[in-house]
Structures are given as C-alpha cells and as structure tokens.
Amino acid sequence: MKRLLLFDIDGTLVRGGPAKRVFEYAMASVFGTAGAIEGHDFSGKTDPQIARELLGAAGFDDGEIEAGFPMLWETYLVGLRKTLPSTPMKVIPGVQPLLEHLRERSDVALGLLTGNIVEGARLKLGSVGMMDFFSVGGFGSDSEIRDDLPPFAMERAEEEWGFRFPAQDVVVIGDTPRDVSCGKNSGTRTVAVATGRFERAALEGTGADFVLTDMTALDKTVEALLS
C-alpha cells in the first residue's frame, strides 16, 4: 500500500436523498424543534455539530442537548432505514468507475472521512450499493469536531491493512473548504472537487493540493489523487 484515500460522502460521492428531511423530523420529534434549519449551513460539518448549532441557537443548553442525542440518532437512523429504499441517494457522475478502478489497484487503500455518524454513512452509501468499497473511516460519531476525524480513519486503516500510512501519503477528498482544512490540519494531502455547493474558484482559494471540477475524467482524477 502506498496511498490512503479518504472520501467525503455528501456532495463528493453522492447527493440528494431524504437525509435532511429525516434529520429535521428527528430533531422536532426529540427536542420539539429543528431550530432555524432552513438556510442553515450544513456543508463540511459533522451531524452532532449541526444539531448542536441548531439547538443551541434555539435556547437549549449543552446538558439538554447531550441528554437528547441518543434518542435523536436512533430516531434519525430509523427514518433513514424507512425512507432510503424509496428515495435512495444519487451517485455523482464519475464516482462509480473511479472507485471500481481504485479498488483494483494494489497500491491504494480506500476509506471515508465524513461528518455523518457511522451508521448514517453506511445507510446512505448502502442505498446505492457503494458501501462495499469502504471498510474504514472517520465519522461524525467519532468526534463532533471535523478536524479530529483524520486520525480515526488513519488508525483504523493501520489496523485493517497492517500498514501505517504517514500523513503525506493520505489524501482527503471533499467538496467543501472544511474538508480541505480538516485534511491540512492533520498534514494530509487534499483534493477538492466542485461537485457540491462550492464552485471551483472558491475551492481554489482553500490551498488544496488539487482542485477538480468533477471526477468524470478518470485518468485526470487518478493523477490528482495519486500524484
């Protein structure tokens, strides 16, 4: 193994699906409100961070929020299991052939780096048959702070493959400035893709090692990920 590639999920691998609607329902069911969820910036944040921001702004203190979190995630996951079969995520163009190519390479290990709680990530990717590409990752259920997540993924990769990936051989791939900053904070390489809500120009200002408009050009994308 020479390179560990850690992919974000929403906006990078897949888009759409019922998650925001289910999240809003779960928040209202457990806390009586989803706060000012319309217009709230979700991009690049962890699920717990988003919930805490919304609830804190609605007047809840940290003790109340922590007490409600177990039921919130249980309700959210139940909702995803019910709704994803009829409203699955949509795979972003170029992603499927890219992952199929990378899986066949002996010099690459694939993982996730996402703000989704772990079971939410599995359900989202499972709805489009893509979870089998990934056996390790760092998730929002590991830490509420996005910048904390790369070490979780790197430690699990070492356990999975028996190989310690130095930070310079790890690549964080995502569609938001927070994805880039989280990789940079851990000393990894970073590749930003303009397949989410941020345009290429905004991503170029993050200092990412590479910025791609999308991942439809297989050779160009592989070169960016592995150079």
Protein backbone atom coordinates (compact mmCIF):
# COMPACT_ATOMS: atom_id res chain seq x y z
CA MET A 1 0.00 0.00 0.00
CA LYS A 2 1.25 3.46 -0.87
CA ARG A 3 -1.70 5.81 -0.58
CA LEU A 4 -4.77 6.03 1.67
CA LEU A 5 -7.66 7.87 0.03
CA LEU A 6 -10.33 9.23 2.38
CA PHE A 7 -13.54 10.34 0.68
CA ASP A 8 -16.23 12.64 1.99
CA ILE A 9 -19.77 11.41 1.24
CA ASP A 10 -22.37 14.14 0.67
CA GLY A 11 -21.55 16.28 -2.33
CA THR A 12 -18.46 14.22 -3.13
CA LEU A 13 -19.66 10.65 -3.69
CA VAL A 14 -23.45 11.07 -3.60
CA ARG A 15 -26.11 13.75 -3.40
CA GLY A 16 -29.85 14.04 -2.82
CA GLY A 17 -31.79 11.55 -0.74
CA PRO A 18 -34.07 12.10 2.27
CA ALA A 19 -31.47 12.75 4.99
CA LYS A 20 -32.15 16.45 5.63
CA ARG A 21 -35.90 15.89 5.83
CA VAL A 22 -35.41 12.90 8.13
CA PHE A 23 -32.96 14.87 10.29
CA GLU A 24 -35.46 17.72 10.64
CA TYR A 25 -38.21 15.28 11.64
CA ALA A 26 -35.94 13.57 14.20
CA MET A 27 -34.94 16.90 15.73
CA ALA A 28 -38.57 18.02 16.03
CA SER A 29 -39.63 14.65 17.46
CA VAL A 30 -36.96 14.55 20.14
CA PHE A 31 -36.44 18.22 21.01
CA GLY A 32 -39.72 19.74 19.88
CA THR A 33 -37.97 21.88 17.27
CA ALA A 34 -35.42 21.63 14.49
CA GLY A 35 -34.42 25.22 15.09
CA ALA A 36 -33.78 27.53 12.15
CA ILE A 37 -32.85 24.62 9.90
CA GLU A 38 -33.86 26.28 6.63
CA GLY A 39 -30.88 28.18 5.38
CA HIS A 40 -28.53 26.70 7.98
CA ASP A 41 -25.08 25.87 6.63
CA PHE A 42 -24.57 22.08 6.79
CA SER A 43 -21.53 21.96 4.50
CA GLY A 44 -18.49 20.12 5.81
CA LYS A 45 -19.86 19.84 9.35
CA THR A 46 -20.48 16.77 11.49
CA ASP A 47 -24.01 15.65 12.28
CA PRO A 48 -23.57 16.37 16.01
CA GLN A 49 -22.13 19.82 15.27
CA ILE A 50 -25.11 20.71 13.09
CA ALA A 51 -27.58 19.53 15.72
CA ARG A 52 -25.77 21.39 18.50
CA GLU A 53 -25.65 24.62 16.48
CA LEU A 54 -29.36 24.50 15.70
CA LEU A 55 -30.41 23.56 19.22
CA GLY A 56 -28.06 26.00 20.91
CA ALA A 57 -29.47 28.84 18.82
CA ALA A 58 -32.96 27.66 19.83
CA GLY A 59 -32.11 28.04 23.52
CA PHE A 60 -31.05 24.55 24.60
CA ASP A 61 -28.02 24.19 26.84
CA ASP A 62 -25.32 21.56 26.34
CA GLY A 63 -26.73 19.30 29.05
CA GLU A 64 -30.14 19.17 27.42
CA ILE A 65 -28.57 18.58 24.01
CA GLU A 66 -26.33 15.74 25.23
CA ALA A 67 -29.24 14.09 27.02
CA GLY A 68 -31.30 14.06 23.85
CA PHE A 69 -28.58 12.94 21.44
CA PRO A 70 -29.01 9.14 21.87
CA MET A 71 -32.71 9.33 21.01
CA LEU A 72 -32.03 11.83 18.22
CA TRP A 73 -29.64 9.48 16.42
CA GLU A 74 -31.89 6.48 17.00
CA THR A 75 -34.87 8.35 15.52
CA TYR A 76 -32.79 9.65 12.62
CA LEU A 77 -31.49 6.20 11.70
CA VAL A 78 -34.96 4.67 11.88
CA GLY A 79 -36.13 7.36 9.48
CA LEU A 80 -33.26 6.72 7.06
CA ARG A 81 -33.94 2.98 7.05
CA LYS A 82 -37.58 3.65 6.20
CA THR A 83 -37.07 6.29 3.51
CA LEU A 84 -33.83 5.44 1.69
CA PRO A 85 -35.24 2.38 -0.13
CA SER A 86 -37.79 4.55 -1.92
CA THR A 87 -35.62 7.68 -2.14
CA PRO A 88 -32.01 6.49 -2.44
CA MET A 89 -29.01 8.74 -2.75
CA LYS A 90 -27.79 9.55 -6.27
CA VAL A 91 -24.23 8.70 -7.25
CA ILE A 92 -22.32 11.70 -8.57
CA PRO A 93 -21.11 11.20 -12.18
CA GLY A 94 -17.68 9.63 -12.45
CA VAL A 95 -17.63 8.22 -8.92
CA GLN A 96 -18.60 4.62 -9.65
CA PRO A 97 -15.94 3.95 -12.33
CA LEU A 98 -13.36 5.79 -10.24
CA LEU A 99 -13.97 3.62 -7.18
CA GLU A 100 -14.04 0.45 -9.26
CA HIS A 101 -10.67 1.38 -10.74
CA LEU A 102 -9.12 2.29 -7.39
CA ARG A 103 -10.36 -0.88 -5.71
CA GLU A 104 -8.41 -2.97 -8.20
CA ARG A 105 -5.11 -1.22 -7.50
CA SER A 106 -2.71 -2.86 -5.06
CA ASP A 107 -1.13 0.46 -4.12
CA VAL A 108 -4.33 2.16 -2.89
CA ALA A 109 -6.49 1.80 0.22
CA LEU A 110 -9.96 3.35 0.31
CA GLY A 111 -11.68 4.91 3.29
CA LEU A 112 -14.23 7.52 4.31
CA LEU A 113 -13.89 10.84 6.08
CA THR A 114 -17.33 12.22 6.74
CA GLY A 115 -19.36 14.25 9.17
CA ASN A 116 -22.10 11.60 9.01
CA ILE A 117 -22.49 9.39 12.04
CA VAL A 118 -21.16 5.96 11.13
CA GLU A 119 -24.47 4.16 10.64
CA GLY A 120 -25.88 7.09 8.67
CA ALA A 121 -22.88 6.84 6.34
CA ARG A 122 -23.44 3.11 5.89
CA LEU A 123 -27.12 3.57 5.14
CA LYS A 124 -26.56 6.37 2.63
CA LEU A 125 -23.87 4.53 0.68
CA GLY A 126 -25.68 1.22 1.07
CA SER A 127 -28.73 2.70 -0.66
CA VAL A 128 -26.68 2.88 -3.88
CA GLY A 129 -24.60 -0.26 -3.34
CA MET A 130 -21.37 1.60 -2.61
CA MET A 131 -20.57 0.70 0.99
CA ASP A 132 -18.57 -2.35 -0.08
CA PHE A 133 -15.85 -0.06 -1.43
CA PHE A 134 -15.02 1.11 2.10
CA SER A 135 -14.01 -0.82 5.19
CA VAL A 136 -12.65 2.02 7.34
CA GLY A 137 -13.28 5.67 8.00
CA GLY A 138 -13.55 8.59 10.37
CA PHE A 139 -17.11 9.67 11.20
CA GLY A 140 -19.12 12.34 12.96
CA SER A 141 -19.86 9.81 15.67
CA ASP A 142 -16.12 9.70 16.47
CA SER A 143 -15.90 13.42 17.19
CA GLU A 144 -18.11 16.44 16.80
CA ILE A 145 -15.08 18.37 15.51
CA ARG A 146 -14.36 17.74 11.83
CA ASP A 147 -10.63 18.38 12.19
CA ASP A 148 -10.39 15.47 14.68
CA LEU A 149 -11.51 12.85 12.16
CA PRO A 150 -8.45 12.01 10.00
CA PRO A 151 -6.54 10.30 12.84
CA PHE A 152 -9.50 7.99 13.49
CA ALA A 153 -9.53 6.91 9.84
CA MET A 154 -5.75 6.54 9.71
CA GLU A 155 -5.65 4.41 12.86
CA ARG A 156 -8.40 2.12 11.53
CA ALA A 157 -6.58 1.83 8.21
CA GLU A 158 -3.45 0.69 10.02
CA GLU A 159 -5.48 -1.94 11.88
CA GLU A 160 -7.18 -3.07 8.66
CA TRP A 161 -4.10 -3.34 6.41
CA GLY A 162 -1.29 -3.71 8.93
CA PHE A 163 0.46 -0.71 7.44
CA ARG A 164 0.96 2.73 8.98
CA PHE A 165 0.16 5.40 6.42
CA PRO A 166 2.21 8.55 7.03
CA ALA A 167 0.16 11.73 6.73
CA GLN A 168 1.88 12.74 3.49
CA ASP A 169 0.58 9.53 1.90
CA VAL A 170 -3.02 10.17 2.96
CA VAL A 171 -5.38 12.16 0.73
CA VAL A 172 -8.60 13.78 1.96
CA ILE A 173 -11.10 14.26 -0.88
CA GLY A 174 -14.11 16.51 -0.39
CA ASP A 175 -16.32 19.21 -1.82
CA THR A 176 -16.13 21.91 0.85
CA PRO A 177 -13.46 24.21 2.33
CA ARG A 178 -13.92 22.40 5.66
CA ASP A 179 -12.88 19.12 4.03
CA VAL A 180 -9.68 20.77 2.86
CA SER A 181 -8.93 22.45 6.20
CA CYS A 182 -9.53 19.20 8.07
CA GLY A 183 -7.00 17.37 5.88
CA LYS A 184 -4.47 20.17 6.14
CA ASN A 185 -4.84 20.24 9.91
CA SER A 186 -3.67 16.61 10.01
CA GLY A 187 -0.89 17.13 7.47
CA THR A 188 -2.51 15.11 4.70
CA ARG A 189 -2.73 15.93 1.03
CA THR A 190 -6.05 17.36 -0.10
CA VAL A 191 -8.14 17.20 -3.26
CA ALA A 192 -11.21 19.42 -3.57
CA VAL A 193 -13.97 18.63 -6.06
CA ALA A 194 -16.56 21.19 -7.20
CA THR A 195 -19.43 18.70 -7.16
CA GLY A 196 -21.21 20.21 -4.16
CA ARG A 197 -22.37 23.72 -3.40
CA PHE A 198 -18.94 25.37 -3.70
CA GLU A 199 -17.71 26.45 -7.11
CA ARG A 200 -14.19 25.71 -8.32
CA ALA A 201 -13.00 29.28 -7.71
CA ALA A 202 -13.99 29.12 -4.04
CA LEU A 203 -12.23 25.79 -3.59
CA GLU A 204 -9.07 27.05 -5.27
CA GLY A 205 -8.82 29.63 -2.52
CA THR A 206 -8.53 26.92 0.13
CA GLY A 207 -4.99 25.93 -0.78
CA ALA A 208 -5.96 22.37 -1.69
CA ASP A 209 -3.22 20.42 -3.44
CA PHE A 210 -5.55 19.78 -6.36
CA VAL A 211 -8.96 21.14 -7.34
CA LEU A 212 -11.15 19.22 -9.79
CA THR A 213 -14.33 20.42 -11.43
CA ASP A 214 -15.68 16.87 -11.14
CA MET A 215 -14.43 13.28 -11.29
CA THR A 216 -15.71 12.27 -14.71
CA ALA A 217 -12.26 12.20 -16.35
CA LEU A 218 -10.85 9.01 -14.85
CA ASP A 219 -7.19 9.46 -15.80
CA LYS A 220 -7.10 13.08 -14.66
CA THR A 221 -8.79 12.25 -11.37
CA VAL A 222 -6.48 9.31 -10.61
CA GLU A 223 -3.48 11.50 -11.38
CA ALA A 224 -4.70 14.14 -8.91
CA LEU A 225 -5.35 11.55 -6.20
CA LEU A 226 -2.11 9.64 -6.55
CA SER A 227 0.48 12.24 -7.60
